[in-house]
């Protein structure tokens, strides 16, 4: 299982988390978790399409940066 960590600067509240969950709902992943304080989204999956994830978030109004 792989984990992708994203920094989402404009994720500031529970509403943002809900919007991000809804946006990513169309993408197949095993687990999605959030660290609101540090503005991080963690996606666990066997396979990632990073471009699709970033594009989906951008369409929802969130810019994300992949973290190491």
Protein backbone atom coordinates (compact mmCIF):
# COMPACT_ATOMS: atom_id res chain seq x y z
CA UNK A 1 0.00 0.00 0.00
CA UNK A 2 1.30 3.43 -0.96
CA UNK A 3 0.56 6.73 0.73
CA UNK A 4 0.37 10.09 -0.99
CA UNK A 5 0.67 13.15 1.24
CA UNK A 6 -0.67 16.45 -0.06
CA UNK A 7 -0.33 19.94 1.40
CA UNK A 8 -3.53 21.90 0.71
CA UNK A 9 -2.90 25.51 1.72
CA UNK A 10 -6.49 26.69 1.46
CA UNK A 11 -7.97 23.78 3.49
CA UNK A 12 -9.04 25.72 6.57
CA UNK A 13 -12.15 24.06 8.04
CA UNK A 14 -14.34 20.97 8.27
CA UNK A 15 -16.31 22.27 5.28
CA UNK A 16 -13.13 22.16 3.21
CA UNK A 17 -12.56 18.56 4.28
CA UNK A 18 -16.10 17.69 3.21
CA UNK A 19 -15.58 19.39 -0.17
CA UNK A 20 -12.30 17.56 -0.71
CA UNK A 21 -13.88 14.21 0.24
CA UNK A 22 -16.69 14.83 -2.24
CA UNK A 23 -14.28 15.84 -4.98
CA UNK A 24 -12.05 12.80 -4.49
CA UNK A 25 -15.03 10.44 -4.22
CA UNK A 26 -14.75 9.63 -7.95
CA UNK A 27 -11.16 8.41 -7.53
CA UNK A 28 -10.49 4.89 -6.32
CA UNK A 29 -8.45 4.79 -3.11
CA UNK A 30 -8.32 2.63 0.03
CA UNK A 31 -8.24 5.31 2.71
CA UNK A 32 -8.43 9.09 2.99
CA UNK A 33 -7.45 11.00 6.11
CA UNK A 34 -6.88 14.62 7.04
CA UNK A 35 -4.67 16.71 9.31
CA UNK A 36 -6.50 20.05 9.32
CA UNK A 37 -4.01 21.78 11.64
CA UNK A 38 -1.13 21.12 9.22
CA UNK A 39 -3.33 21.31 6.09
CA UNK A 40 -2.43 17.79 4.98
CA UNK A 41 -4.42 15.15 3.11
CA UNK A 42 -3.27 11.53 3.18
CA UNK A 43 -4.44 9.15 0.46
CA UNK A 44 -3.70 5.43 0.72
CA UNK A 45 -4.01 3.28 -2.37
CA UNK A 46 -2.35 0.52 -4.32
CA UNK A 47 -2.01 2.81 -7.34
CA UNK A 48 -2.01 6.60 -7.82
CA UNK A 49 -2.72 8.90 -10.70
CA UNK A 50 -1.17 12.01 -9.14
CA UNK A 51 -2.12 14.26 -12.05
CA UNK A 52 -5.77 13.19 -11.80
CA UNK A 53 -5.82 13.80 -8.04
CA UNK A 54 -4.30 17.29 -8.39
CA UNK A 55 -6.61 18.14 -11.31
CA UNK A 56 -9.68 16.95 -9.37
CA UNK A 57 -8.73 19.06 -6.35
CA UNK A 58 -8.07 22.10 -8.55
CA UNK A 59 -11.54 21.75 -10.11
CA UNK A 60 -12.96 21.78 -6.58
CA UNK A 61 -11.07 24.99 -5.78
CA UNK A 62 -8.10 23.57 -3.87
CA UNK A 63 -4.47 23.74 -4.90
CA UNK A 64 -2.36 20.90 -3.55
CA UNK A 65 1.35 20.23 -3.40
CA UNK A 66 2.67 16.68 -3.17
CA UNK A 67 4.84 16.24 -0.07
CA UNK A 68 7.71 13.80 0.33
